[in-house]
Amino acid sequence: MIKTERIGCDRAKECMKFYKHVITDTPDMDRYGRWEIGLYPTKEDIENYIGNGAMYLLSEDDAVIGAMALTMDQGTGYHSVNWSMPLADCEVSVIHVLAVDPDHQGKGFGEMLIDEAISAARKNGEKALRLDALAGNTPAQRLYAKKGFAYRGKQNLYAENTGWTDFFFFELELSNG
C-alpha cells in the first residue's frame, strides 16, 4: 500500500537515510540536482522541515520511496520573481527537496508527492503553490509542467552545493474549489 504522511522527529533518521540514498544513488545527480551530502539538503535543513511540520514521506509497504518538504509560506528569496499575481507570503506554499528513490523514478511517485502538496496547500487556503529548480534540471521541469506549473522566471543565485547558478521558478495557481 502506498501512503503519504507528514512526519515528526521520530522519523528524522529514516528521512536522512533516504536523502543520503537519493544523493549517492541517483543517476546524473551531479548533472540535474547537484545535491551533495553535507551541503544540500543538510541534516539541519531536514530537521528544520520536520520540526516545522513540513516534511512528508511517501512510503510503499513501510519503505520510503519519496519525500518533500512543503512550507505554508514563501521566503523573501521568492519576492523578486515575476509571479502571476502578487500574494502575501502567507498565501503561498512552497515545495522544497522533492525526491524519489532512484529505483522508483519514472513511475509517477513524484506526481503523487505534488498531488499531496496541492491538496495540503488548498486545505490551508493557499492561493498558489511555488517552487524552484536548477535551470539544468530538465526532468524536474518536465514533471512540473506536466502537473500544470507555469514557468515564472530565472534568477542567478548562490547555493553551497552549486555556487552561482541559474534557478527557474514555477507556480501553480490554486483554486480552493
N, C-alpha and C. Protein backbone atom coordinates (compact mmCIF):
# COMPACT_ATOMS: atom_id res chain seq x y z
N MET A 1 0.84 -1.17 0.00
CA MET A 1 0.00 0.00 0.00
C MET A 1 0.90 1.25 0.00
N ILE A 2 0.54 2.22 -0.81
CA ILE A 2 1.29 3.46 -0.92
C ILE A 2 0.57 4.54 -0.12
N LYS A 3 1.34 5.26 0.71
CA LYS A 3 0.73 6.32 1.51
C LYS A 3 1.71 7.48 1.65
N THR A 4 1.15 8.68 1.77
CA THR A 4 1.93 9.88 2.03
C THR A 4 1.53 10.39 3.40
N GLU A 5 2.54 10.74 4.20
CA GLU A 5 2.24 11.24 5.54
C GLU A 5 3.24 12.30 5.96
N ARG A 6 2.75 13.24 6.72
CA ARG A 6 3.62 14.24 7.32
C ARG A 6 4.28 13.57 8.52
N ILE A 7 5.58 13.79 8.67
CA ILE A 7 6.30 13.06 9.71
C ILE A 7 6.77 13.98 10.83
N GLY A 8 7.07 13.35 11.96
CA GLY A 8 7.61 14.05 13.12
C GLY A 8 9.06 13.66 13.36
N CYS A 9 9.59 14.14 14.44
CA CYS A 9 11.01 13.94 14.78
C CYS A 9 11.39 12.48 14.93
N ASP A 10 10.43 11.64 15.27
CA ASP A 10 10.72 10.22 15.45
C ASP A 10 11.19 9.55 14.16
N ARG A 11 11.00 10.19 13.02
CA ARG A 11 11.41 9.58 11.74
C ARG A 11 12.52 10.37 11.05
N ALA A 12 13.20 11.23 11.80
CA ALA A 12 14.27 12.07 11.22
C ALA A 12 15.41 11.22 10.66
N LYS A 13 15.85 10.21 11.39
CA LYS A 13 16.96 9.37 10.91
C LYS A 13 16.58 8.64 9.64
N GLU A 14 15.37 8.14 9.59
CA GLU A 14 14.87 7.44 8.39
C GLU A 14 14.84 8.39 7.20
N CYS A 15 14.42 9.61 7.44
CA CYS A 15 14.34 10.62 6.39
C CYS A 15 15.75 10.97 5.88
N MET A 16 16.70 11.17 6.79
CA MET A 16 18.07 11.48 6.39
C MET A 16 18.69 10.32 5.62
N LYS A 17 18.41 9.12 6.03
CA LYS A 17 18.92 7.94 5.32
C LYS A 17 18.37 7.92 3.89
N PHE A 18 17.11 8.27 3.73
CA PHE A 18 16.51 8.32 2.40
C PHE A 18 17.22 9.35 1.52
N TYR A 19 17.43 10.56 2.03
CA TYR A 19 18.09 11.59 1.23
C TYR A 19 19.53 11.21 0.89
N LYS A 20 20.23 10.58 1.82
CA LYS A 20 21.59 10.12 1.54
C LYS A 20 21.58 9.11 0.39
N HIS A 21 20.61 8.20 0.41
CA HIS A 21 20.46 7.22 -0.67
C HIS A 21 20.17 7.92 -2.00
N VAL A 22 19.28 8.88 -1.99
CA VAL A 22 18.95 9.62 -3.21
C VAL A 22 20.19 10.32 -3.76
N ILE A 23 20.93 10.98 -2.88
CA ILE A 23 22.11 11.73 -3.32
C ILE A 23 23.18 10.80 -3.90
N THR A 24 23.43 9.70 -3.24
CA THR A 24 24.52 8.82 -3.68
C THR A 24 24.14 7.89 -4.83
N ASP A 25 22.86 7.58 -4.99
CA ASP A 25 22.47 6.55 -5.95
C ASP A 25 21.63 7.03 -7.13
N THR A 26 21.28 8.30 -7.19
CA THR A 26 20.50 8.79 -8.33
C THR A 26 21.43 9.03 -9.52
N PRO A 27 21.13 8.39 -10.65
CA PRO A 27 21.94 8.64 -11.85
C PRO A 27 21.89 10.13 -12.22
N ASP A 28 23.02 10.67 -12.59
CA ASP A 28 23.14 12.07 -13.04
C ASP A 28 22.79 13.09 -11.97
N MET A 29 22.89 12.73 -10.69
CA MET A 29 22.64 13.70 -9.62
C MET A 29 23.56 14.90 -9.77
N ASP A 30 24.80 14.65 -10.18
CA ASP A 30 25.75 15.75 -10.32
C ASP A 30 25.39 16.66 -11.49
N ARG A 31 24.56 16.19 -12.37
CA ARG A 31 24.14 16.98 -13.53
C ARG A 31 22.82 17.71 -13.30
N TYR A 32 21.84 17.01 -12.73
CA TYR A 32 20.50 17.57 -12.61
C TYR A 32 20.22 18.22 -11.27
N GLY A 33 20.39 17.50 -10.19
CA GLY A 33 20.05 18.03 -8.87
C GLY A 33 21.20 18.73 -8.18
N ARG A 34 22.37 18.19 -8.39
CA ARG A 34 23.60 18.71 -7.80
C ARG A 34 23.53 18.79 -6.28
N TRP A 35 22.77 17.87 -5.68
CA TRP A 35 22.75 17.77 -4.22
C TRP A 35 24.02 17.06 -3.79
N GLU A 36 24.52 17.43 -2.62
CA GLU A 36 25.73 16.83 -2.06
C GLU A 36 25.55 16.62 -0.57
N ILE A 37 25.99 15.47 -0.09
CA ILE A 37 25.90 15.18 1.34
C ILE A 37 26.68 16.24 2.11
N GLY A 38 26.04 16.79 3.11
CA GLY A 38 26.64 17.82 3.94
C GLY A 38 26.46 19.24 3.42
N LEU A 39 26.09 19.39 2.14
CA LEU A 39 25.89 20.72 1.57
C LEU A 39 24.43 21.03 1.30
N TYR A 40 23.72 20.09 0.70
CA TYR A 40 22.30 20.30 0.43
C TYR A 40 21.66 18.99 -0.04
N PRO A 41 20.55 18.62 0.56
CA PRO A 41 19.99 19.21 1.78
C PRO A 41 20.81 18.77 3.00
N THR A 42 21.00 19.66 3.93
CA THR A 42 21.77 19.34 5.13
C THR A 42 20.88 18.67 6.17
N LYS A 43 21.53 18.07 7.14
CA LYS A 43 20.81 17.48 8.26
C LYS A 43 19.95 18.55 8.93
N GLU A 44 20.51 19.75 9.07
CA GLU A 44 19.78 20.85 9.71
C GLU A 44 18.56 21.27 8.88
N ASP A 45 18.71 21.29 7.54
CA ASP A 45 17.57 21.59 6.67
C ASP A 45 16.42 20.63 6.96
N ILE A 46 16.74 19.35 6.91
CA ILE A 46 15.71 18.31 7.10
C ILE A 46 15.12 18.40 8.51
N GLU A 47 15.97 18.56 9.52
CA GLU A 47 15.46 18.68 10.89
C GLU A 47 14.55 19.89 11.05
N ASN A 48 14.89 21.01 10.41
CA ASN A 48 14.03 22.20 10.47
C ASN A 48 12.69 21.94 9.80
N TYR A 49 12.71 21.32 8.64
CA TYR A 49 11.43 20.99 7.98
C TYR A 49 10.59 20.08 8.86
N ILE A 50 11.22 19.05 9.43
CA ILE A 50 10.48 18.13 10.30
C ILE A 50 9.93 18.88 11.51
N GLY A 51 10.78 19.68 12.15
CA GLY A 51 10.38 20.42 13.34
C GLY A 51 9.24 21.39 13.09
N ASN A 52 9.16 21.89 11.87
CA ASN A 52 8.09 22.83 11.50
C ASN A 52 6.87 22.12 10.90
N GLY A 53 6.86 20.79 10.94
CA GLY A 53 5.72 20.03 10.42
C GLY A 53 5.59 20.10 8.91
N ALA A 54 6.70 20.30 8.21
CA ALA A 54 6.66 20.49 6.76
C ALA A 54 7.18 19.31 5.95
N MET A 55 7.64 18.24 6.61
CA MET A 55 8.25 17.12 5.88
C MET A 55 7.24 16.00 5.67
N TYR A 56 7.19 15.53 4.41
CA TYR A 56 6.30 14.44 4.03
C TYR A 56 7.12 13.29 3.46
N LEU A 57 6.71 12.07 3.80
CA LEU A 57 7.31 10.88 3.22
C LEU A 57 6.25 10.11 2.46
N LEU A 58 6.65 9.57 1.33
CA LEU A 58 5.82 8.68 0.52
C LEU A 58 6.39 7.28 0.73
N SER A 59 5.56 6.37 1.21
CA SER A 59 6.02 5.02 1.53
C SER A 59 5.19 3.97 0.82
N GLU A 60 5.86 2.86 0.53
CA GLU A 60 5.20 1.68 -0.01
C GLU A 60 5.59 0.52 0.88
N ASP A 61 4.61 -0.06 1.55
CA ASP A 61 4.87 -1.16 2.48
C ASP A 61 5.96 -0.79 3.48
N ASP A 62 5.88 0.39 4.05
CA ASP A 62 6.79 0.91 5.06
C ASP A 62 8.20 1.23 4.56
N ALA A 63 8.45 1.16 3.28
CA ALA A 63 9.74 1.57 2.71
C ALA A 63 9.57 2.95 2.09
N VAL A 64 10.43 3.88 2.44
CA VAL A 64 10.34 5.24 1.92
C VAL A 64 10.74 5.23 0.44
N ILE A 65 9.85 5.77 -0.40
CA ILE A 65 10.15 5.85 -1.84
C ILE A 65 10.13 7.29 -2.35
N GLY A 66 9.75 8.23 -1.49
CA GLY A 66 9.75 9.63 -1.89
C GLY A 66 9.63 10.53 -0.69
N ALA A 67 10.03 11.79 -0.88
CA ALA A 67 9.95 12.76 0.21
C ALA A 67 9.90 14.17 -0.36
N MET A 68 9.39 15.08 0.45
CA MET A 68 9.41 16.50 0.10
C MET A 68 9.12 17.29 1.37
N ALA A 69 9.49 18.55 1.31
CA ALA A 69 9.07 19.49 2.35
C ALA A 69 8.08 20.45 1.69
N LEU A 70 7.08 20.82 2.45
CA LEU A 70 6.07 21.76 1.97
C LEU A 70 5.87 22.82 3.04
N THR A 71 6.36 24.03 2.76
CA THR A 71 6.17 25.13 3.70
C THR A 71 4.90 25.88 3.33
N MET A 72 4.22 26.37 4.35
CA MET A 72 2.96 27.07 4.14
C MET A 72 3.17 28.58 4.08
N ASP A 73 4.33 28.97 3.60
CA ASP A 73 4.62 30.37 3.30
C ASP A 73 5.87 30.40 2.43
N GLN A 74 6.10 31.54 1.82
CA GLN A 74 7.29 31.66 0.98
C GLN A 74 8.28 32.60 1.66
N GLY A 75 9.55 32.36 1.39
CA GLY A 75 10.59 33.21 1.96
C GLY A 75 10.85 34.42 1.08
N THR A 76 11.68 35.29 1.59
CA THR A 76 11.99 36.54 0.88
C THR A 76 12.70 36.28 -0.45
N GLY A 77 13.36 35.15 -0.59
CA GLY A 77 14.03 34.82 -1.84
C GLY A 77 13.08 34.71 -3.02
N TYR A 78 11.82 34.59 -2.75
CA TYR A 78 10.82 34.46 -3.81
C TYR A 78 10.18 35.81 -4.17
N HIS A 79 10.49 36.85 -3.45
CA HIS A 79 9.83 38.15 -3.65
C HIS A 79 10.14 38.79 -4.99
N SER A 80 11.31 38.61 -5.53
CA SER A 80 11.68 39.34 -6.76
C SER A 80 11.28 38.61 -8.05
N VAL A 81 10.61 37.49 -7.93
CA VAL A 81 10.16 36.75 -9.12
C VAL A 81 8.89 37.40 -9.67
N ASN A 82 8.72 37.37 -10.97
CA ASN A 82 7.54 37.94 -11.62
C ASN A 82 6.39 36.93 -11.60
N TRP A 83 5.74 36.81 -10.45
CA TRP A 83 4.65 35.85 -10.29
C TRP A 83 3.39 36.32 -11.02
N SER A 84 2.45 35.42 -11.22
CA SER A 84 1.22 35.76 -11.93
C SER A 84 0.37 36.74 -11.16
N MET A 85 0.49 36.72 -9.84
CA MET A 85 -0.28 37.64 -9.00
C MET A 85 0.51 37.93 -7.73
N PRO A 86 0.44 39.16 -7.27
CA PRO A 86 1.14 39.49 -6.02
C PRO A 86 0.40 38.88 -4.84
N LEU A 87 1.11 38.12 -4.04
CA LEU A 87 0.49 37.47 -2.88
C LEU A 87 1.36 37.69 -1.65
N ALA A 88 0.71 37.73 -0.51
CA ALA A 88 1.45 37.77 0.75
C ALA A 88 2.14 36.43 0.95
N ASP A 89 3.24 36.44 1.68
CA ASP A 89 3.97 35.19 1.93
C ASP A 89 3.07 34.09 2.49
N CYS A 90 2.13 34.47 3.34
CA CYS A 90 1.26 33.50 3.99
C CYS A 90 0.16 32.96 3.07
N GLU A 91 0.08 33.46 1.83
CA GLU A 91 -0.92 32.96 0.88
C GLU A 91 -0.30 31.96 -0.11
N VAL A 92 0.95 31.58 0.13
CA VAL A 92 1.70 30.75 -0.81
C VAL A 92 2.33 29.58 -0.08
N SER A 93 2.25 28.40 -0.67
CA SER A 93 3.01 27.23 -0.20
C SER A 93 4.16 27.01 -1.17
N VAL A 94 5.25 26.45 -0.64
CA VAL A 94 6.43 26.21 -1.46
C VAL A 94 6.92 24.78 -1.25
N ILE A 95 7.17 24.09 -2.35
CA ILE A 95 7.73 22.74 -2.32
C ILE A 95 9.26 22.85 -2.30
N HIS A 96 9.87 22.07 -1.41
CA HIS A 96 11.33 22.01 -1.29
C HIS A 96 11.78 20.54 -1.28
N VAL A 97 12.98 20.28 -1.64
CA VAL A 97 13.69 18.99 -1.57
C VAL A 97 12.83 17.79 -2.00
N LEU A 98 12.08 17.94 -3.07
CA LEU A 98 11.28 16.83 -3.58
C LEU A 98 12.22 15.79 -4.19
N ALA A 99 12.07 14.54 -3.77
CA ALA A 99 12.94 13.47 -4.25
C ALA A 99 12.19 12.16 -4.30
N VAL A 100 12.57 11.33 -5.27
CA VAL A 100 12.02 9.98 -5.39
C VAL A 100 13.20 9.01 -5.41
N ASP A 101 13.03 7.90 -4.71
CA ASP A 101 14.05 6.85 -4.68
C ASP A 101 14.48 6.51 -6.10
N PRO A 102 15.78 6.42 -6.36
CA PRO A 102 16.25 6.14 -7.72
C PRO A 102 15.66 4.87 -8.33
N ASP A 103 15.37 3.87 -7.51
CA ASP A 103 14.78 2.62 -8.01
C ASP A 103 13.30 2.75 -8.35
N HIS A 104 12.70 3.87 -7.99
CA HIS A 104 11.26 4.07 -8.22
C HIS A 104 10.96 5.27 -9.12
N GLN A 105 11.99 5.88 -9.68
CA GLN A 105 11.78 7.05 -10.53
C GLN A 105 11.10 6.64 -11.84
N GLY A 106 10.31 7.56 -12.38
CA GLY A 106 9.61 7.30 -13.64
C GLY A 106 8.34 6.51 -13.49
N LYS A 107 7.87 6.32 -12.26
CA LYS A 107 6.67 5.51 -12.00
C LYS A 107 5.50 6.33 -11.47
N GLY A 108 5.61 7.66 -11.51
CA GLY A 108 4.51 8.51 -11.07
C GLY A 108 4.55 8.92 -9.62
N PHE A 109 5.59 8.55 -8.89
CA PHE A 109 5.64 8.88 -7.46
C PHE A 109 5.92 10.36 -7.23
N GLY A 110 6.68 11.00 -8.10
CA GLY A 110 6.87 12.45 -8.00
C GLY A 110 5.54 13.17 -8.16
N GLU A 111 4.72 12.69 -9.10
CA GLU A 111 3.39 13.26 -9.30
C GLU A 111 2.53 13.10 -8.05
N MET A 112 2.65 11.95 -7.39
CA MET A 112 1.87 11.71 -6.17
C MET A 112 2.27 12.70 -5.08
N LEU A 113 3.56 12.97 -4.96
CA LEU A 113 4.01 13.95 -3.97
C LEU A 113 3.47 15.34 -4.29
N ILE A 114 3.52 15.71 -5.55
CA ILE A 114 2.99 17.02 -5.94
C ILE A 114 1.49 17.09 -5.69
N ASP A 115 0.77 16.02 -5.98
CA ASP A 115 -0.67 15.99 -5.69
C ASP A 115 -0.93 16.20 -4.20
N GLU A 116 -0.10 15.59 -3.35
CA GLU A 116 -0.23 15.78 -1.91
C GLU A 116 0.01 17.24 -1.55
N ALA A 117 1.02 17.86 -2.17
CA ALA A 117 1.32 19.27 -1.90
C ALA A 117 0.16 20.16 -2.32
N ILE A 118 -0.41 19.88 -3.47
CA ILE A 118 -1.56 20.66 -3.96
C ILE A 118 -2.72 20.54 -2.99
N SER A 119 -3.01 19.32 -2.56
CA SER A 119 -4.11 19.09 -1.64
C SER A 119 -3.88 19.80 -0.31
N ALA A 120 -2.68 19.69 0.25
CA ALA A 120 -2.38 20.33 1.53
C ALA A 120 -2.44 21.85 1.41
N ALA A 121 -1.93 22.39 0.33
CA ALA A 121 -1.96 23.85 0.13
C ALA A 121 -3.40 24.33 0.01
N ARG A 122 -4.22 23.62 -0.72
CA ARG A 122 -5.63 24.00 -0.85
C ARG A 122 -6.34 23.94 0.50
N LYS A 123 -6.08 22.87 1.26
CA LYS A 123 -6.71 22.75 2.59
C LYS A 123 -6.30 23.91 3.50
N ASN A 124 -5.10 24.43 3.29
CA ASN A 124 -4.61 25.55 4.09
C ASN A 124 -5.10 26.90 3.56
N GLY A 125 -5.85 26.88 2.45
CA GLY A 125 -6.39 28.11 1.89
C GLY A 125 -5.39 28.91 1.06
N GLU A 126 -4.31 28.29 0.64
CA GLU A 126 -3.29 28.98 -0.14
C GLU A 126 -3.83 29.33 -1.53
N LYS A 127 -3.27 30.38 -2.13
CA LYS A 127 -3.69 30.83 -3.45
C LYS A 127 -2.73 30.39 -4.55
N ALA A 128 -1.51 29.95 -4.14
CA ALA A 128 -0.54 29.48 -5.13
C ALA A 128 0.41 28.50 -4.48
N LEU A 129 0.94 27.63 -5.31
CA LEU A 129 1.98 26.69 -4.92
C LEU A 129 3.18 27.00 -5.80
N ARG A 130 4.33 27.22 -5.20
CA ARG A 130 5.51 27.65 -5.95
C ARG A 130 6.70 26.76 -5.62
N LEU A 131 7.70 26.81 -6.49
CA LEU A 131 8.93 26.05 -6.28
C LEU A 131 10.00 26.57 -7.21
N ASP A 132 11.22 26.11 -6.96
CA ASP A 132 12.32 26.45 -7.86
C ASP A 132 13.08 25.18 -8.20
N ALA A 133 13.81 25.23 -9.30
CA ALA A 133 14.63 24.10 -9.74
C ALA A 133 15.84 24.65 -10.46
N LEU A 134 16.92 23.92 -10.39
CA LEU A 134 18.09 24.30 -11.17
C LEU A 134 17.71 24.39 -12.64
N ALA A 135 18.26 25.37 -13.32
CA ALA A 135 17.94 25.56 -14.74
C ALA A 135 18.24 24.31 -15.56
N GLY A 136 19.23 23.53 -15.16
CA GLY A 136 19.59 22.33 -15.90
C GLY A 136 18.83 21.08 -15.50
N ASN A 137 17.93 21.19 -14.54
CA ASN A 137 17.20 20.01 -14.07
C ASN A 137 15.96 19.79 -14.94
N THR A 138 16.20 19.36 -16.16
CA THR A 138 15.10 19.18 -17.12
C THR A 138 14.11 18.09 -16.71
N PRO A 139 14.52 16.98 -16.07
CA PRO A 139 13.49 16.01 -15.65
C PRO A 139 12.49 16.63 -14.67
N ALA A 140 12.97 17.42 -13.71
CA ALA A 140 12.06 18.05 -12.76
C ALA A 140 11.17 19.06 -13.47
N GLN A 141 11.73 19.82 -14.39
CA GLN A 141 10.94 20.82 -15.11
C GLN A 141 9.83 20.17 -15.93
N ARG A 142 10.12 19.03 -16.53
CA ARG A 142 9.06 18.31 -17.27
C ARG A 142 7.94 17.86 -16.33
N LEU A 143 8.31 17.38 -15.15
CA LEU A 143 7.32 16.97 -14.16
C LEU A 143 6.44 18.15 -13.75
N TYR A 144 7.06 19.28 -13.47
CA TYR A 144 6.28 20.45 -13.04
C TYR A 144 5.33 20.91 -14.14
N ALA A 145 5.81 20.93 -15.37
CA ALA A 145 4.95 21.33 -16.49
C ALA A 145 3.78 20.35 -16.63
N LYS A 146 4.06 19.07 -16.49
CA LYS A 146 3.01 18.04 -16.60
C LYS A 146 1.93 18.25 -15.54
N LYS A 147 2.33 18.73 -14.36
CA LYS A 147 1.38 18.94 -13.27
C LYS A 147 0.73 20.32 -13.32
N GLY A 148 1.00 21.10 -14.37
CA GLY A 148 0.31 22.37 -14.56
C GLY A 148 1.03 23.60 -14.05
N PHE A 149 2.26 23.45 -13.58
CA PHE A 149 3.02 24.61 -13.11
C PHE A 149 3.48 25.43 -14.31
N ALA A 150 3.45 26.74 -14.16
CA ALA A 150 3.91 27.66 -15.20
C ALA A 150 5.27 28.23 -14.82
N TYR A 151 6.14 28.34 -15.80
CA TYR A 151 7.45 28.95 -15.62
C TYR A 151 7.25 30.44 -15.37
N ARG A 152 7.90 30.99 -14.33
CA ARG A 152 7.71 32.39 -13.98
C ARG A 152 9.00 33.21 -14.00
N GLY A 153 10.12 32.57 -14.33
CA GLY A 153 11.33 33.36 -14.44
C GLY A 153 12.57 32.65 -13.95
N LYS A 154 13.69 33.33 -14.14
CA LYS A 154 15.00 32.79 -13.82
C LYS A 154 15.75 33.78 -12.94
N GLN A 155 16.50 33.25 -12.00
CA GLN A 155 17.36 34.08 -11.16
C GLN A 155 18.70 33.37 -10.99
N ASN A 156 19.76 34.13 -10.99
CA ASN A 156 21.08 33.59 -10.73
C ASN A 156 21.33 33.75 -9.24
N LEU A 157 21.41 32.62 -8.54
CA LEU A 157 21.52 32.61 -7.09
C LEU A 157 22.71 31.78 -6.64
N TYR A 158 23.15 32.02 -5.42
CA TYR A 158 24.25 31.27 -4.85
C TYR A 158 23.71 30.22 -3.89
N ALA A 159 24.21 29.00 -4.02
CA ALA A 159 23.91 27.92 -3.07
C ALA A 159 25.22 27.19 -2.79
N GLU A 160 25.36 26.69 -1.58
CA GLU A 160 26.59 26.00 -1.19
C GLU A 160 26.93 24.84 -2.13
N ASN A 161 25.92 24.11 -2.58
CA ASN A 161 26.18 22.93 -3.41
C ASN A 161 26.37 23.26 -4.88
N THR A 162 26.04 24.46 -5.32
CA THR A 162 26.12 24.77 -6.75
C THR A 162 27.01 25.96 -7.07
N GLY A 163 27.28 26.80 -6.07
CA GLY A 163 27.91 28.09 -6.37
C GLY A 163 26.86 28.97 -7.03
N TRP A 164 27.30 29.95 -7.81
CA TRP A 164 26.36 30.82 -8.53
C TRP A 164 25.80 30.04 -9.72
N THR A 165 24.50 29.93 -9.79
CA THR A 165 23.86 29.19 -10.87
C THR A 165 22.44 29.70 -11.10
N ASP A 166 21.89 29.38 -12.25
CA ASP A 166 20.53 29.80 -12.58
C ASP A 166 19.51 28.84 -12.01
N PHE A 167 18.50 29.42 -11.40
CA PHE A 167 17.35 28.68 -10.90
C PHE A 167 16.11 29.16 -11.66
N PHE A 168 15.25 28.21 -12.04
CA PHE A 168 13.98 28.52 -12.66
C PHE A 168 12.90 28.45 -11.58
N PHE A 169 11.93 29.36 -11.68
CA PHE A 169 10.84 29.42 -10.71
C PHE A 169 9.53 29.05 -11.40
N PHE A 170 8.70 28.28 -10.68
CA PHE A 170 7.45 27.76 -11.22
C PHE A 170 6.32 28.04 -10.24
N GLU A 171 5.11 28.16 -10.80
CA GLU A 171 3.94 28.48 -9.98
C GLU A 171 2.71 27.74 -10.50
N LEU A 172 1.92 27.28 -9.55
CA LEU A 172 0.62 26.70 -9.85
C LEU A 172 -0.41 27.52 -9.09
N GLU A 173 -1.28 28.20 -9.83
CA GLU A 173 -2.36 28.95 -9.17
C GLU A 173 -3.38 27.95 -8.65
N LEU A 174 -3.85 28.18 -7.43
CA LEU A 174 -4.77 27.24 -6.79
C LEU A 174 -6.15 27.86 -6.65
N SER A 175 -7.13 27.07 -6.93
CA SER A 175 -8.50 27.45 -6.59
C SER A 175 -8.89 26.53 -5.45
N ASN A 176 -9.63 27.01 -4.54
CA ASN A 176 -9.98 26.19 -3.39
C ASN A 176 -11.34 25.52 -3.56
N GLY A 177 -11.71 25.33 -4.80
CA GLY A 177 -12.99 24.68 -5.06
C GLY A 177 -12.84 23.34 -5.69
